[in-house]
Amino acid sequence: MPGFLMTLATPVMCTHGGKGTPVPPAGRVIASGMGVITQAHTYVITGCGFPAATLGAQPPCVSGTLFTGTLRVRSMGLFLGLFPDSMATSKGLPNPTPLIIAPAGQVRVRAQ
């Protein structure tokens, strides 16, 4: 299913409200002036509210990854993050809840 490519400016949060910041490996593809997200990117999550909700019994989300993306388009051999497809299989760690990917990213480049 085609979707929009995710870029470094695409807002990502953990399910508990923590902000995800991508740690970029080297990439060459640019969409709307920003580098695109590949499946090799890891999100560092800060401000997760899960420990407060569980009275400190559970650890906060500290990282997140995408497990699916494009089927045909690659950057340096790596598949790219695709909205909305990547959202369904993303995981926050150590709490395996899905990441929330806001649709407010770039809306010009589509891929499959």
Protein backbone atom coordinates (compact mmCIF):
# COMPACT_ATOMS: atom_id res chain seq x y z
CA MET A 1 0.00 0.00 0.00
CA PRO A 2 1.54 3.37 -0.95
CA GLY A 3 2.10 5.99 1.71
CA PHE A 4 4.13 9.09 2.48
CA LEU A 5 7.82 8.80 3.30
CA MET A 6 8.78 9.64 6.86
CA THR A 7 11.46 12.30 7.29
CA LEU A 8 13.60 13.45 10.20
CA ALA A 9 10.92 16.12 10.84
CA THR A 10 8.02 13.63 11.20
CA PRO A 11 6.78 13.85 14.82
CA VAL A 12 7.01 10.54 16.70
CA MET A 13 5.93 9.82 20.30
CA CYS A 14 5.70 6.76 22.51
CA THR A 15 2.22 5.73 23.59
CA HIS A 16 2.81 7.40 26.97
CA GLY A 17 3.60 10.87 25.57
CA GLY A 18 7.39 10.72 25.33
CA LYS A 19 9.01 12.49 22.37
CA GLY A 20 10.99 10.36 19.92
CA THR A 21 14.09 11.78 18.27
CA PRO A 22 15.67 9.79 15.42
CA VAL A 23 19.32 8.84 15.68
CA PRO A 24 20.28 8.99 12.01
CA PRO A 25 22.62 6.67 10.22
CA ALA A 26 24.09 7.97 6.97
CA GLY A 27 21.48 8.47 4.28
CA ARG A 28 21.26 10.03 0.86
CA VAL A 29 17.56 10.47 0.07
CA ILE A 30 15.92 13.83 0.83
CA ALA A 31 12.18 14.54 0.76
CA SER A 32 10.89 18.10 1.24
CA GLY A 33 14.37 19.24 2.29
CA MET A 34 14.78 16.67 5.10
CA GLY A 35 16.50 13.30 5.23
CA VAL A 36 14.21 10.28 5.16
CA ILE A 37 13.84 7.69 7.92
CA THR A 38 15.09 4.17 7.19
CA GLN A 39 14.45 0.96 9.11
CA ALA A 40 17.99 1.31 10.51
CA HIS A 41 17.02 4.45 12.44
CA THR A 42 16.43 4.17 16.16
CA TYR A 43 14.32 6.68 18.06
CA VAL A 44 15.59 7.89 21.42
CA ILE A 45 12.53 8.58 23.60
CA THR A 46 12.55 11.23 26.32
CA GLY A 47 9.76 12.25 28.68
CA CYS A 48 7.86 8.96 28.78
CA GLY A 49 5.02 9.16 31.32
CA PHE A 50 4.74 5.42 31.94
CA PRO A 51 6.63 5.29 35.27
CA ALA A 52 4.34 7.98 36.72
CA ALA A 53 1.24 6.09 35.57
CA THR A 54 2.45 2.88 37.25
CA LEU A 55 3.87 4.58 40.38
CA GLY A 56 7.40 3.75 39.25
CA ALA A 57 6.78 0.00 38.93
CA GLN A 58 7.55 -0.03 35.19
CA PRO A 59 10.56 1.48 33.38
CA PRO A 60 10.06 4.32 30.88
CA CYS A 61 10.27 3.89 27.13
CA VAL A 62 13.85 4.75 26.12
CA SER A 63 14.01 3.78 22.44
CA GLY A 64 11.84 2.76 19.52
CA THR A 65 12.23 1.15 16.12
CA LEU A 66 10.27 0.64 12.89
CA PHE A 67 9.87 -2.92 11.65
CA THR A 68 8.14 -2.36 8.29
CA GLY A 69 8.38 0.25 5.60
CA THR A 70 8.65 0.49 1.85
CA LEU A 71 8.63 -2.65 -0.27
CA ARG A 72 10.42 -1.29 -3.34
CA VAL A 73 12.16 1.99 -2.55
CA ARG A 74 15.51 1.90 -0.72
CA SER A 75 18.25 4.26 0.36
CA MET A 76 21.71 2.70 0.46
CA GLY A 77 20.09 -0.74 0.57
CA LEU A 78 17.79 0.11 3.50
CA PHE A 79 14.00 0.20 3.32
CA LEU A 80 12.42 3.56 4.20
CA GLY A 81 9.86 4.46 6.86
CA LEU A 82 6.38 4.86 5.42
CA PHE A 83 3.34 6.52 6.98
CA PRO A 84 0.88 4.92 7.89
CA ASP A 85 2.33 1.43 7.30
CA SER A 86 5.30 1.77 9.68
CA MET A 87 3.09 2.87 12.56
CA ALA A 88 1.36 -0.50 12.96
CA THR A 89 4.56 -2.43 13.58
CA SER A 90 6.70 0.11 15.44
CA LYS A 91 7.71 -0.76 18.98
CA GLY A 92 8.85 1.23 21.99
CA LEU A 93 11.43 -0.47 24.19
CA PRO A 94 11.47 -1.83 26.88
CA ASN A 95 7.66 -1.45 26.78
CA PRO A 96 6.53 -3.03 23.48
CA THR A 97 3.79 -0.51 22.74
CA PRO A 98 3.40 1.05 19.27
CA LEU A 99 4.93 4.44 18.52
CA ILE A 100 2.55 7.22 17.54
CA ILE A 101 3.56 8.77 14.23
CA ALA A 102 1.84 12.09 13.53
CA PRO A 103 0.57 12.59 9.99
CA ALA A 104 2.02 16.12 10.02
CA GLY A 105 5.10 15.13 8.03
CA GLN A 106 5.86 15.82 4.40
CA VAL A 107 3.00 15.19 1.97
CA ARG A 108 4.73 15.32 -1.40
CA VAL A 109 6.70 12.10 -1.77
CA ARG A 110 4.84 8.78 -1.82
CA ALA A 111 6.37 5.32 -2.11
CA GLN A 112 5.44 1.68 -1.94
